[in-house]
């Protein structure tokens, strides 16, 4: 146990943890952008664009993430495209999670009464303005819990990046457990670190959710968001 708690081991854990946080954060941001774009295409795009968005969602939701990782990591190499393992990991995580977020955003927008869309268009807003200024702010409130679940899943799924040689937290755990033949302390330490990450993320999401549903928030209190029309 002494070697497990040595400074060198703790430094390796810290480096792996930083890698996991960085790659998960970047993948989460890209996944949110992909989800918004995919939902917009499915809701307001022409027929062919809706079809492309549908193929993207079904293709990535219905295949294992690990296979997608290897397709990007090995498949691109076989076609002469060389990306770093980290880039392949971010690409796979973003596309995989973005497919789920597309459906979450789509369902949240469609839950808003149609009268609000009609009113926005009647006031002269175009489709993009209606989506960005009227529908999306309301949809995010109701979509936040499932969005949080997907971001937590993304953080845990990032452990699969170790299979394509990314030096993340899981790879540090696995190598330490095998090299020193101490699986129990290493995996317990790793589980606690992943739990700390997801609990921190969950706490932040709950904080945002409380703020969005607070009486002072514009989408909760219409008077706070009222526009004064000058004669």
Protein backbone atom coordinates (compact mmCIF):
# COMPACT_ATOMS: atom_id res chain seq x y z
CA UNK A 1 0.00 0.00 0.00
CA UNK A 2 2.90 2.41 0.59
CA UNK A 3 3.88 2.44 -3.07
CA UNK A 4 0.23 3.06 -4.00
CA UNK A 5 0.18 6.26 -1.96
CA UNK A 6 3.63 7.37 -3.06
CA UNK A 7 4.14 10.81 -4.56
CA UNK A 8 4.89 9.35 -7.99
CA UNK A 9 1.64 7.38 -8.06
CA UNK A 10 -0.42 10.34 -6.87
CA UNK A 11 1.18 12.52 -9.53
CA UNK A 12 0.25 9.95 -12.16
CA UNK A 13 -3.32 9.96 -10.88
CA UNK A 14 -3.40 13.75 -11.03
CA UNK A 15 -2.13 13.81 -14.61
CA UNK A 16 -4.66 11.18 -15.66
CA UNK A 17 -7.43 13.07 -13.89
CA UNK A 18 -6.51 16.33 -15.66
CA UNK A 19 -6.53 14.52 -19.02
CA UNK A 20 -9.96 13.05 -18.30
CA UNK A 21 -11.38 16.43 -17.23
CA UNK A 22 -9.95 18.23 -20.26
CA UNK A 23 -11.10 15.67 -22.84
CA UNK A 24 -14.53 15.28 -21.22
CA UNK A 25 -15.06 19.05 -21.05
CA UNK A 26 -14.09 19.57 -24.68
CA UNK A 27 -16.23 16.63 -25.81
CA UNK A 28 -19.18 17.92 -23.78
CA UNK A 29 -19.03 21.38 -25.35
CA UNK A 30 -18.80 19.95 -28.86
CA UNK A 31 -21.62 17.49 -28.12
CA UNK A 32 -23.89 20.32 -26.97
CA UNK A 33 -23.20 22.25 -30.17
CA UNK A 34 -23.84 19.14 -32.27
CA UNK A 35 -27.05 18.48 -30.37
CA UNK A 36 -28.32 22.01 -30.99
CA UNK A 37 -27.39 21.84 -34.66
CA UNK A 38 -28.92 18.39 -35.09
CA UNK A 39 -32.16 19.43 -33.40
CA UNK A 40 -32.39 22.57 -35.57
CA UNK A 41 -31.89 20.47 -38.71
CA UNK A 42 -34.53 17.93 -37.70
CA UNK A 43 -37.06 20.59 -36.75
CA UNK A 44 -36.60 23.31 -39.35
CA UNK A 45 -34.36 21.93 -42.08
CA UNK A 46 -35.44 20.86 -45.55
CA UNK A 47 -36.41 17.26 -46.11
CA UNK A 48 -32.94 16.11 -47.19
CA UNK A 49 -31.30 17.76 -44.17
CA UNK A 50 -33.79 16.16 -41.82
CA UNK A 51 -32.86 12.83 -43.39
CA UNK A 52 -29.14 13.44 -42.85
CA UNK A 53 -29.75 14.42 -39.22
CA UNK A 54 -31.89 11.32 -38.72
CA UNK A 55 -29.19 9.05 -40.14
CA UNK A 56 -26.61 10.68 -37.85
CA UNK A 57 -28.75 10.17 -34.76
CA UNK A 58 -29.71 6.59 -35.50
CA UNK A 59 -26.22 5.62 -36.64
CA UNK A 60 -24.44 6.83 -33.53
CA UNK A 61 -27.12 5.93 -30.97
CA UNK A 62 -27.46 2.34 -32.15
CA UNK A 63 -23.80 1.33 -32.35
CA UNK A 64 -21.40 0.77 -29.44
CA UNK A 65 -19.14 3.67 -28.53
CA UNK A 66 -16.11 1.37 -28.36
CA UNK A 67 -16.59 0.34 -32.01
CA UNK A 68 -16.89 4.00 -32.98
CA UNK A 69 -13.63 4.75 -31.15
CA UNK A 70 -11.77 2.07 -33.07
CA UNK A 71 -13.32 3.15 -36.36
CA UNK A 72 -11.93 6.64 -35.88
CA UNK A 73 -8.63 5.44 -34.43
CA UNK A 74 -7.86 2.56 -36.81
CA UNK A 75 -10.25 3.21 -39.67
CA UNK A 76 -8.97 6.70 -40.40
CA UNK A 77 -5.39 5.41 -40.31
CA UNK A 78 -6.24 2.78 -42.92
CA UNK A 79 -7.48 5.60 -45.19
CA UNK A 80 -4.31 7.63 -44.73
CA UNK A 81 -5.76 10.08 -42.20
CA UNK A 82 -3.70 10.23 -39.02
CA UNK A 83 -5.16 11.80 -35.91
CA UNK A 84 -3.87 11.65 -32.35
CA UNK A 85 -5.62 9.24 -29.98
CA UNK A 86 -6.94 12.25 -28.04
CA UNK A 87 -8.46 13.77 -31.18
CA UNK A 88 -10.08 10.45 -32.12
CA UNK A 89 -11.46 10.14 -28.61
CA UNK A 90 -12.95 13.64 -28.57
CA UNK A 91 -14.43 13.10 -32.02
CA UNK A 92 -16.10 9.83 -31.05
CA UNK A 93 -17.37 11.07 -27.66
CA UNK A 94 -18.74 14.27 -29.18
CA UNK A 95 -20.58 12.58 -32.03
CA UNK A 96 -21.92 9.79 -29.82
CA UNK A 97 -23.25 12.10 -27.10
CA UNK A 98 -24.39 14.71 -29.63
CA UNK A 99 -26.74 12.14 -31.17
CA UNK A 100 -28.53 11.72 -27.85
CA UNK A 101 -28.57 15.46 -27.19
CA UNK A 102 -30.13 16.04 -30.62
CA UNK A 103 -33.19 14.06 -29.60
CA UNK A 104 -33.29 15.70 -26.16
CA UNK A 105 -33.30 19.21 -27.65
CA UNK A 106 -35.78 18.21 -30.35
CA UNK A 107 -38.25 16.79 -27.84
CA UNK A 108 -37.87 19.81 -25.54
CA UNK A 109 -38.56 22.27 -28.37
CA UNK A 110 -41.56 20.29 -29.59
CA UNK A 111 -42.98 20.33 -26.05
CA UNK A 112 -43.37 24.12 -26.29
CA UNK A 113 -46.86 25.11 -27.50
CA UNK A 114 -47.07 25.81 -31.23
CA UNK A 115 -48.72 29.15 -30.51
CA UNK A 116 -45.39 30.55 -29.34
CA UNK A 117 -43.73 29.73 -32.65
CA UNK A 118 -46.67 31.22 -34.56
CA UNK A 119 -46.54 34.38 -32.45
CA UNK A 120 -42.78 34.80 -32.98
CA UNK A 121 -43.16 34.41 -36.74
CA UNK A 122 -46.10 36.81 -36.74
CA UNK A 123 -43.92 39.42 -35.02
CA UNK A 124 -41.46 39.22 -37.91
CA UNK A 125 -38.82 36.92 -36.44
CA UNK A 126 -37.21 34.51 -38.88
CA UNK A 127 -36.78 30.80 -38.19
CA UNK A 128 -33.30 31.17 -36.70
CA UNK A 129 -34.39 34.01 -34.42
CA UNK A 130 -37.48 32.10 -33.33
CA UNK A 131 -35.36 29.09 -32.46
CA UNK A 132 -32.61 31.03 -30.70
CA UNK A 133 -34.60 33.74 -28.91
CA UNK A 134 -37.96 32.12 -28.16
CA UNK A 135 -37.85 28.33 -28.25
CA UNK A 136 -34.34 27.42 -27.16
CA UNK A 137 -34.23 29.42 -23.87
CA UNK A 138 -37.41 27.69 -22.74
CA UNK A 139 -36.41 24.28 -24.05
CA UNK A 140 -33.10 24.30 -22.15
CA UNK A 141 -34.94 24.60 -18.85
CA UNK A 142 -36.88 21.40 -19.42
CA UNK A 143 -34.04 19.60 -21.17
CA UNK A 144 -31.45 20.32 -18.46
CA UNK A 145 -31.95 17.13 -16.37
CA UNK A 146 -31.49 14.73 -19.33
CA UNK A 147 -28.66 16.91 -20.64
CA UNK A 148 -26.98 16.53 -17.26
CA UNK A 149 -27.42 12.77 -17.40
CA UNK A 150 -25.75 12.65 -20.82
CA UNK A 151 -22.81 14.79 -19.67
CA UNK A 152 -22.30 12.54 -16.65
CA UNK A 153 -22.43 9.49 -18.92
CA UNK A 154 -19.91 11.17 -21.23
CA UNK A 155 -17.51 11.65 -18.31
CA UNK A 156 -17.76 7.97 -17.40
CA UNK A 157 -17.60 6.85 -21.03
CA UNK A 158 -14.32 8.74 -21.38
CA UNK A 159 -12.70 5.80 -19.56
CA UNK A 160 -13.00 3.91 -22.86
CA UNK A 161 -10.37 6.20 -24.37
CA UNK A 162 -7.75 4.13 -22.56
CA UNK A 163 -8.43 1.39 -25.14
CA UNK A 164 -7.00 3.63 -27.86
CA UNK A 165 -3.92 4.47 -25.74
CA UNK A 166 -5.08 7.82 -24.33
CA UNK A 167 -3.28 8.38 -21.01
CA UNK A 168 -6.41 9.22 -19.05
CA UNK A 169 -7.41 8.33 -15.51
CA UNK A 170 -8.54 4.81 -16.35
CA UNK A 171 -5.28 3.94 -18.09
CA UNK A 172 -3.36 5.07 -14.98
CA UNK A 173 -5.62 2.91 -12.83
CA UNK A 174 -5.31 -0.14 -15.05
CA UNK A 175 -1.54 0.06 -15.51
CA UNK A 176 -0.98 0.54 -11.78
CA UNK A 177 -3.26 -2.34 -10.88
CA UNK A 178 -1.52 -4.69 -13.34
CA UNK A 179 2.07 -3.57 -12.82
CA UNK A 180 1.92 -3.64 -9.02
CA UNK A 181 -0.70 -6.40 -8.85
CA UNK A 182 -2.88 -4.29 -6.54
CA UNK A 183 -6.25 -4.18 -8.28
CA UNK A 184 -8.38 -3.45 -5.21
CA UNK A 185 -6.70 -0.23 -3.97
CA UNK A 186 -6.15 1.11 -7.48
CA UNK A 187 -9.69 0.52 -8.67
CA UNK A 188 -11.19 1.82 -5.43
CA UNK A 189 -9.11 4.98 -5.74
CA UNK A 190 -10.15 5.31 -9.38
CA UNK A 191 -13.83 4.78 -8.58
CA UNK A 192 -13.67 7.49 -5.92
CA UNK A 193 -12.04 9.93 -8.34
CA UNK A 194 -14.65 9.26 -11.04
CA UNK A 195 -17.37 9.64 -8.41
CA UNK A 196 -15.90 12.98 -7.33
CA UNK A 197 -15.95 14.16 -10.95
CA UNK A 198 -19.55 13.14 -11.61
CA UNK A 199 -20.82 14.44 -8.26
CA UNK A 200 -19.17 17.79 -8.92
CA UNK A 201 -20.78 17.91 -12.35
CA UNK A 202 -24.14 16.86 -10.92
CA UNK A 203 -23.96 19.57 -8.25
CA UNK A 204 -23.22 22.21 -10.87
CA UNK A 205 -26.13 21.07 -13.04
CA UNK A 206 -28.51 21.16 -10.06
CA UNK A 207 -27.31 24.69 -9.31
CA UNK A 208 -28.04 25.82 -12.85
CA UNK A 209 -31.41 24.09 -12.71
CA UNK A 210 -32.37 25.89 -9.49
CA UNK A 211 -31.37 29.21 -11.08
CA UNK A 212 -33.35 28.55 -14.25
CA UNK A 213 -36.46 27.70 -12.25
CA UNK A 214 -36.04 30.52 -9.71
CA UNK A 215 -38.80 33.17 -9.57
CA UNK A 216 -36.32 35.86 -10.66
CA UNK A 217 -35.35 34.15 -13.90
CA UNK A 218 -36.86 35.82 -17.00
CA UNK A 219 -38.35 32.61 -18.40
CA UNK A 220 -40.03 31.89 -15.06
CA UNK A 221 -41.22 35.41 -14.31
CA UNK A 222 -42.69 37.02 -17.44
CA UNK A 223 -42.59 40.47 -15.82
CA UNK A 224 -38.79 40.23 -15.54
CA UNK A 225 -38.51 39.60 -19.27
CA UNK A 226 -41.12 42.17 -20.39
CA UNK A 227 -39.97 44.49 -23.15
CA UNK A 228 -40.96 48.10 -22.81
CA UNK A 229 -42.35 49.28 -26.12
CA UNK A 230 -41.70 52.93 -26.82
CA UNK A 231 -44.43 54.85 -28.65
